[in-house]
Amino acid sequence: MMNENSPVVLSVFPYSKSKWMAEKWLMDFSSQSGIEAVAIRPGNVFGTRDHTFIEKYLDVIVKGRAGFINQGKHKTCPTYVENLSQAVSLACFHPEARGESFIITDGLEITWRTFTEMLAEAAGAPKPRLSIPFHTGYSLAYLLEMIYKTAGSSSAPLFTRYRMSNGGRDYFFSIAKAKNILGYTPKINLEEAISRTVNWYKNRNR
């Protein structure tokens, strides 16, 4: 299980690269200027009013179009938005947080299959059955990205290499540092978080 002291492996994805570059710049600036700073490294954030990930994910689940990579056996790190807000608040005011980085998740050892099936059950949708091998999905995603790029499309394909990598490898981290220093313990459990999220999803257009 990786933590804040694990070696940094530079990603090929601009989204991941930009996060690491921003944190490094911030910490360097903080040490030079004396301005207090703390970095939060959240896991897979989800929750109410999430139009970036969870709304689209629930769309395909409800429509019966969802599937898994490698049978959904890889670990993920769901982070309910209210738990993340709780951690940010603790980090902003804790005297020992200055200059530190904290991984924040809900602290669960859970697979994509379990997380997805819990969403499907809460939404009253059938559990996904389709699965694709990681290497097949990654190759397909690369091909689709090239086609979209050549066509000058402003939208992203359904399969991307980033999505394949997120779901096709273990994505699981320790939150021991946040617990020990900040006293962080997620207040909202996964069942309640999913219930609130799906309820928002069902009623979002009213």
C-alpha atoms as a PDB file:
ATOM      1  CA  MET A   1       0.000   0.000   0.000  1.00  0.00           C
ATOM      2  CA  MET A   2       1.457   3.351  -1.009  1.00  0.00           C
ATOM      3  CA  ASN A   3       1.658   6.408   1.239  1.00  0.00           C
ATOM      4  CA  GLU A   4       3.018   9.949   1.143  1.00  0.00           C
ATOM      5  CA  ASN A   5       6.619   8.682   1.357  1.00  0.00           C
ATOM      6  CA  SER A   6       6.347   6.270  -1.564  1.00  0.00           C
ATOM      7  CA  PRO A   7       8.508   7.088  -4.622  1.00  0.00           C
ATOM      8  CA  VAL A   8       6.780   9.361  -7.124  1.00  0.00           C
ATOM      9  CA  VAL A   9       6.273   7.660 -10.469  1.00  0.00           C
ATOM     10  CA  LEU A  10       5.807  10.277 -13.165  1.00  0.00           C
ATOM     11  CA  SER A  11       2.667   9.604 -15.167  1.00  0.00           C
ATOM     12  CA  VAL A  12       2.212   9.869 -18.921  1.00  0.00           C
ATOM     13  CA  PHE A  13      -1.117  11.628 -18.343  1.00  0.00           C
ATOM     14  CA  PRO A  14      -1.135  15.462 -18.272  1.00  0.00           C
ATOM     15  CA  TYR A  15      -3.850  15.473 -15.575  1.00  0.00           C
ATOM     16  CA  SER A  16      -1.632  13.551 -13.166  1.00  0.00           C
ATOM     17  CA  LYS A  17       1.520  15.419 -14.165  1.00  0.00           C
ATOM     18  CA  SER A  18      -0.093  18.808 -13.581  1.00  0.00           C
ATOM     19  CA  LYS A  19      -1.158  17.820 -10.059  1.00  0.00           C
ATOM     20  CA  TRP A  20       2.364  16.797  -9.096  1.00  0.00           C
ATOM     21  CA  MET A  21       3.893  19.902 -10.699  1.00  0.00           C
ATOM     22  CA  ALA A  22       1.402  22.164  -8.887  1.00  0.00           C
ATOM     23  CA  GLU A  23       2.115  20.573  -5.513  1.00  0.00           C
ATOM     24  CA  LYS A  24       5.886  20.785  -5.991  1.00  0.00           C
ATOM     25  CA  TRP A  25       5.663  24.442  -7.043  1.00  0.00           C
ATOM     26  CA  LEU A  26       3.415  25.271  -4.095  1.00  0.00           C
ATOM     27  CA  MET A  27       5.706  23.679  -1.546  1.00  0.00           C
ATOM     28  CA  ASP A  28       8.786  25.341  -3.018  1.00  0.00           C
ATOM     29  CA  PHE A  29       7.035  28.718  -2.983  1.00  0.00           C
ATOM     30  CA  SER A  30       5.855  28.142   0.575  1.00  0.00           C
ATOM     31  CA  SER A  31       9.367  27.405   1.844  1.00  0.00           C
ATOM     32  CA  GLN A  32      10.798  30.466   0.079  1.00  0.00           C
ATOM     33  CA  SER A  33       8.050  32.925   0.987  1.00  0.00           C
ATOM     34  CA  GLY A  34       7.050  31.742   4.432  1.00  0.00           C
ATOM     35  CA  ILE A  35       3.409  31.446   3.395  1.00  0.00           C
ATOM     36  CA  GLU A  36       1.791  28.474   5.074  1.00  0.00           C
ATOM     37  CA  ALA A  37       0.659  25.721   2.718  1.00  0.00           C
ATOM     38  CA  VAL A  38      -0.585  22.143   2.901  1.00  0.00           C
ATOM     39  CA  ALA A  39      -1.271  19.704   0.070  1.00  0.00           C
ATOM     40  CA  ILE A  40      -4.240  17.352  -0.090  1.00  0.00           C
ATOM     41  CA  ARG A  41      -4.046  14.280  -2.351  1.00  0.00           C
ATOM     42  CA  PRO A  42      -7.602  12.935  -2.669  1.00  0.00           C
ATOM     43  CA  GLY A  43      -8.571   9.548  -4.052  1.00  0.00           C
ATOM     44  CA  ASN A  44     -11.503   8.992  -6.413  1.00  0.00           C
ATOM     45  CA  VAL A  45     -13.803  11.774  -5.270  1.00  0.00           C
ATOM     46  CA  PHE A  46     -17.549  11.247  -5.658  1.00  0.00           C
ATOM     47  CA  GLY A  47     -20.762  12.606  -4.222  1.00  0.00           C
ATOM     48  CA  THR A  48     -23.701  14.896  -4.767  1.00  0.00           C
ATOM     49  CA  ARG A  49     -23.475  17.531  -7.511  1.00  0.00           C
ATOM     50  CA  ASP A  50     -20.641  15.623  -9.156  1.00  0.00           C
ATOM     51  CA  HIS A  51     -21.156  16.108 -12.888  1.00  0.00           C
ATOM     52  CA  THR A  52     -17.605  15.090 -13.815  1.00  0.00           C
ATOM     53  CA  PHE A  53     -17.494  11.481 -12.654  1.00  0.00           C
ATOM     54  CA  ILE A  54     -20.432  10.058 -10.732  1.00  0.00           C
ATOM     55  CA  GLU A  55     -23.251  11.473 -12.883  1.00  0.00           C
ATOM     56  CA  LYS A  56     -21.715   9.976 -16.036  1.00  0.00           C
ATOM     57  CA  TYR A  57     -20.874   6.725 -14.267  1.00  0.00           C
ATOM     58  CA  LEU A  58     -24.422   6.318 -12.968  1.00  0.00           C
ATOM     59  CA  ASP A  59     -25.749   7.146 -16.439  1.00  0.00           C
ATOM     60  CA  VAL A  60     -24.050   4.098 -17.968  1.00  0.00           C
ATOM     61  CA  ILE A  61     -24.942   1.900 -14.979  1.00  0.00           C
ATOM     62  CA  VAL A  62     -28.633   2.801 -15.167  1.00  0.00           C
ATOM     63  CA  LYS A  63     -28.656   2.300 -18.940  1.00  0.00           C
ATOM     64  CA  GLY A  64     -27.055  -1.136 -18.564  1.00  0.00           C
ATOM     65  CA  ARG A  65     -23.916  -0.113 -20.438  1.00  0.00           C
ATOM     66  CA  ALA A  66     -21.405  -0.371 -17.603  1.00  0.00           C
ATOM     67  CA  GLY A  67     -18.671  -2.952 -17.478  1.00  0.00           C
ATOM     68  CA  PHE A  68     -15.467  -3.868 -15.703  1.00  0.00           C
ATOM     69  CA  ILE A  69     -11.787  -4.096 -16.465  1.00  0.00           C
ATOM     70  CA  ASN A  70     -10.294  -7.441 -15.425  1.00  0.00           C
ATOM     71  CA  GLN A  71     -13.620  -8.414 -13.824  1.00  0.00           C
ATOM     72  CA  GLY A  72     -13.492  -5.346 -11.562  1.00  0.00           C
ATOM     73  CA  LYS A  73     -10.995  -7.056  -9.247  1.00  0.00           C
ATOM     74  CA  HIS A  74      -8.690  -4.051  -8.800  1.00  0.00           C
ATOM     75  CA  LYS A  75      -8.825  -1.892  -5.699  1.00  0.00           C
ATOM     76  CA  THR A  76     -10.085   1.660  -5.834  1.00  0.00           C
ATOM     77  CA  CYS A  77     -10.191   4.463  -3.265  1.00  0.00           C
ATOM     78  CA  PRO A  78     -13.597   6.176  -3.119  1.00  0.00           C
ATOM     79  CA  THR A  79     -13.561   9.509  -1.338  1.00  0.00           C
ATOM     80  CA  TYR A  80     -16.948  10.981  -0.480  1.00  0.00           C
ATOM     81  CA  VAL A  81     -16.931  14.730  -0.978  1.00  0.00           C
ATOM     82  CA  GLU A  82     -18.082  15.567   2.568  1.00  0.00           C
ATOM     83  CA  ASN A  83     -15.290  13.434   4.026  1.00  0.00           C
ATOM     84  CA  LEU A  84     -12.829  15.255   1.786  1.00  0.00           C
ATOM     85  CA  SER A  85     -14.184  18.611   2.985  1.00  0.00           C
ATOM     86  CA  GLN A  86     -13.767  17.430   6.566  1.00  0.00           C
ATOM     87  CA  ALA A  87     -10.109  16.576   5.911  1.00  0.00           C
ATOM     88  CA  VAL A  88      -9.428  19.890   4.177  1.00  0.00           C
ATOM     89  CA  SER A  89     -10.853  21.771   7.156  1.00  0.00           C
ATOM     90  CA  LEU A  90      -8.688  19.794   9.583  1.00  0.00           C
ATOM     91  CA  ALA A  91      -5.568  20.402   7.495  1.00  0.00           C
ATOM     92  CA  CYS A  92      -6.214  24.138   7.234  1.00  0.00           C
ATOM     93  CA  PHE A  93      -6.233  24.657  10.987  1.00  0.00           C
ATOM     94  CA  HIS A  94      -3.988  21.959  12.427  1.00  0.00           C
ATOM     95  CA  PRO A  95      -0.649  23.417  13.597  1.00  0.00           C
ATOM     96  CA  GLU A  96       1.317  20.356  12.485  1.00  0.00           C
ATOM     97  CA  ALA A  97      -0.083  20.349   8.936  1.00  0.00           C
ATOM     98  CA  ARG A  98       2.031  23.186   7.586  1.00  0.00           C
ATOM     99  CA  GLY A  99       4.292  22.067   4.747  1.00  0.00           C
ATOM    100  CA  GLU A 100       2.874  18.540   4.749  1.00  0.00           C
ATOM    101  CA  SER A 101       1.049  16.465   2.145  1.00  0.00           C
ATOM    102  CA  PHE A 102      -1.862  14.209   3.060  1.00  0.00           C
ATOM    103  CA  ILE A 103      -3.532  11.407   1.132  1.00  0.00           C
ATOM    104  CA  ILE A 104      -7.274  11.556   1.763  1.00  0.00           C
ATOM    105  CA  THR A 105      -9.683   8.736   0.958  1.00  0.00           C
ATOM    106  CA  ASP A 106     -12.485   7.011   2.841  1.00  0.00           C
ATOM    107  CA  GLY A 107      -9.904   4.480   4.014  1.00  0.00           C
ATOM    108  CA  LEU A 108     -11.647   1.485   2.470  1.00  0.00           C
ATOM    109  CA  GLU A 109     -10.105  -1.614   0.934  1.00  0.00           C
ATOM    110  CA  ILE A 110     -12.668  -2.051  -1.827  1.00  0.00           C
ATOM    111  CA  THR A 111     -12.679  -3.188  -5.453  1.00  0.00           C
ATOM    112  CA  TRP A 112     -14.263  -1.491  -8.440  1.00  0.00           C
ATOM    113  CA  ARG A 113     -16.739  -4.378  -8.663  1.00  0.00           C
ATOM    114  CA  THR A 114     -17.983  -3.897  -5.105  1.00  0.00           C
ATOM    115  CA  PHE A 115     -18.209  -0.116  -5.457  1.00  0.00           C
ATOM    116  CA  THR A 116     -20.033  -0.333  -8.796  1.00  0.00           C
ATOM    117  CA  GLU A 117     -22.458  -3.025  -7.648  1.00  0.00           C
ATOM    118  CA  MET A 118     -23.349  -0.948  -4.587  1.00  0.00           C
ATOM    119  CA  LEU A 119     -24.157   1.986  -6.878  1.00  0.00           C
ATOM    120  CA  ALA A 120     -26.237  -0.226  -9.161  1.00  0.00           C
ATOM    121  CA  GLU A 121     -28.206  -1.697  -6.261  1.00  0.00           C
ATOM    122  CA  ALA A 122     -28.920   1.735  -4.793  1.00  0.00           C
ATOM    123  CA  ALA A 123     -30.044   2.992  -8.203  1.00  0.00           C
ATOM    124  CA  GLY A 124     -32.261  -0.035  -8.806  1.00  0.00           C
ATOM    125  CA  ALA A 125     -30.217  -0.989 -11.864  1.00  0.00           C
ATOM    126  CA  PRO A 126     -28.879  -4.410 -12.916  1.00  0.00           C
ATOM    127  CA  LYS A 127     -25.338  -5.202 -11.847  1.00  0.00           C
ATOM    128  CA  PRO A 128     -22.857  -4.969 -14.752  1.00  0.00           C
ATOM    129  CA  ARG A 129     -21.704  -8.259 -16.232  1.00  0.00           C
ATOM    130  CA  LEU A 130     -19.421  -7.226 -19.076  1.00  0.00           C
ATOM    131  CA  SER A 131     -15.660  -7.222 -18.597  1.00  0.00           C
ATOM    132  CA  ILE A 132     -12.670  -6.437 -20.786  1.00  0.00           C
ATOM    133  CA  PRO A 133      -8.993  -7.358 -20.232  1.00  0.00           C
ATOM    134  CA  PHE A 134      -6.813  -4.396 -19.302  1.00  0.00           C
ATOM    135  CA  HIS A 135      -4.376  -4.648 -22.214  1.00  0.00           C
ATOM    136  CA  THR A 136      -7.214  -4.987 -24.733  1.00  0.00           C
ATOM    137  CA  GLY A 137      -8.992  -1.981 -23.272  1.00  0.00           C
ATOM    138  CA  TYR A 138      -5.825   0.108 -23.131  1.00  0.00           C
ATOM    139  CA  SER A 139      -5.017  -0.604 -26.789  1.00  0.00           C
ATOM    140  CA  LEU A 140      -8.581   0.213 -27.812  1.00  0.00           C
ATOM    141  CA  ALA A 141      -8.479   3.421 -25.794  1.00  0.00           C
ATOM    142  CA  TYR A 142      -5.242   4.506 -27.477  1.00  0.00           C
ATOM    143  CA  LEU A 143      -6.764   3.873 -30.906  1.00  0.00           C
ATOM    144  CA  LEU A 144      -9.892   5.840 -30.051  1.00  0.00           C
ATOM    145  CA  GLU A 145      -7.842   8.739 -28.694  1.00  0.00           C
ATOM    146  CA  MET A 146      -5.901   8.929 -31.967  1.00  0.00           C
ATOM    147  CA  ILE A 147      -9.120   8.857 -34.012  1.00  0.00           C
ATOM    148  CA  TYR A 148     -10.716  11.612 -31.924  1.00  0.00           C
ATOM    149  CA  LYS A 149      -7.540  13.688 -32.055  1.00  0.00           C
ATOM    150  CA  THR A 150      -7.228  13.316 -35.836  1.00  0.00           C
ATOM    151  CA  ALA A 151     -10.880  14.253 -36.262  1.00  0.00           C
ATOM    152  CA  GLY A 152     -10.366  17.351 -34.103  1.00  0.00           C
ATOM    153  CA  SER A 153     -13.103  16.299 -31.692  1.00  0.00           C
ATOM    154  CA  SER A 154     -13.514  18.416 -28.553  1.00  0.00           C
ATOM    155  CA  SER A 155     -15.119  15.548 -26.627  1.00  0.00           C
ATOM    156  CA  ALA A 156     -13.412  12.510 -25.121  1.00  0.00           C
ATOM    157  CA  PRO A 157     -14.056   8.941 -26.255  1.00  0.00           C
ATOM    158  CA  LEU A 158     -15.813   6.523 -23.904  1.00  0.00           C
ATOM    159  CA  PHE A 159     -12.548   4.604 -23.450  1.00  0.00           C
ATOM    160  CA  THR A 160      -9.418   6.576 -22.597  1.00  0.00           C
ATOM    161  CA  ARG A 161      -6.030   5.337 -21.433  1.00  0.00           C
ATOM    162  CA  TYR A 162      -6.456   7.262 -18.185  1.00  0.00           C
ATOM    163  CA  ARG A 163      -9.773   5.564 -17.429  1.00  0.00           C
ATOM    164  CA  MET A 164      -8.352   2.185 -18.320  1.00  0.00           C
ATOM    165  CA  SER A 165      -5.373   2.738 -16.013  1.00  0.00           C
ATOM    166  CA  ASN A 166      -7.596   3.940 -13.178  1.00  0.00           C
ATOM    167  CA  GLY A 167      -9.813   0.875 -13.294  1.00  0.00           C
ATOM    168  CA  GLY A 168      -7.263  -1.664 -14.497  1.00  0.00           C
ATOM    169  CA  ARG A 169      -4.696  -1.337 -11.724  1.00  0.00           C
ATOM    170  CA  ASP A 170      -4.837  -1.228  -7.943  1.00  0.00           C
ATOM    171  CA  TYR A 171      -5.456   2.374  -6.912  1.00  0.00           C
ATOM    172  CA  PHE A 172      -5.297   2.184  -3.131  1.00  0.00           C
ATOM    173  CA  PHE A 173      -3.416   4.277  -0.568  1.00  0.00           C
ATOM    174  CA  SER A 174      -2.846   4.552   3.170  1.00  0.00           C
ATOM    175  CA  ILE A 175      -4.464   7.418   5.114  1.00  0.00           C
ATOM    176  CA  ALA A 176      -2.487   6.644   8.283  1.00  0.00           C
ATOM    177  CA  LYS A 177      -0.676   9.986   8.173  1.00  0.00           C
ATOM    178  CA  ALA A 178      -3.936  11.955   8.046  1.00  0.00           C
ATOM    179  CA  LYS A 179      -5.302   9.870  10.910  1.00  0.00           C
ATOM    180  CA  ASN A 180      -2.206  10.256  13.077  1.00  0.00           C
ATOM    181  CA  ILE A 181      -1.531  13.953  12.519  1.00  0.00           C
ATOM    182  CA  LEU A 182      -4.925  15.457  11.690  1.00  0.00           C
ATOM    183  CA  GLY A 183      -7.108  13.062  13.632  1.00  0.00           C
ATOM    184  CA  TYR A 184      -8.994  12.396  10.402  1.00  0.00           C
ATOM    185  CA  THR A 185     -11.636   9.675  10.447  1.00  0.00           C
ATOM    186  CA  PRO A 186     -14.264   9.743   7.663  1.00  0.00           C
ATOM    187  CA  LYS A 187     -17.614  10.663   9.201  1.00  0.00           C
ATOM    188  CA  ILE A 188     -19.851   9.419   6.383  1.00  0.00           C
ATOM    189  CA  ASN A 189     -19.709   5.670   5.747  1.00  0.00           C
ATOM    190  CA  LEU A 190     -19.857   4.258   2.233  1.00  0.00           C
ATOM    191  CA  GLU A 191     -23.461   3.039   2.429  1.00  0.00           C
ATOM    192  CA  GLU A 192     -24.703   6.479   3.475  1.00  0.00           C
ATOM    193  CA  ALA A 193     -22.462   8.217   0.936  1.00  0.00           C
ATOM    194  CA  ILE A 194     -23.827   6.102  -1.908  1.00  0.00           C
ATOM    195  CA  SER A 195     -27.409   6.566  -0.710  1.00  0.00           C
ATOM    196  CA  ARG A 196     -27.019  10.368  -0.683  1.00  0.00           C
ATOM    197  CA  THR A 197     -25.275  10.342  -4.055  1.00  0.00           C
ATOM    198  CA  VAL A 198     -27.869   8.192  -5.816  1.00  0.00           C
ATOM    199  CA  ASN A 199     -30.729  10.173  -4.251  1.00  0.00           C
ATOM    200  CA  TRP A 200     -29.214  13.367  -5.651  1.00  0.00           C
ATOM    201  CA  TYR A 201     -28.740  11.683  -9.032  1.00  0.00           C
ATOM    202  CA  LYS A 202     -32.380  10.622  -9.218  1.00  0.00           C
ATOM    203  CA  ASN A 203     -33.677  14.061  -8.277  1.00  0.00           C
ATOM    204  CA  ARG A 204     -31.057  16.337  -9.869  1.00  0.00           C
ATOM    205  CA  ASN A 205     -33.302  17.632 -12.674  1.00  0.00           C
ATOM    206  CA  ARG A 206     -36.266  18.499 -10.486  1.00  0.00           C
END
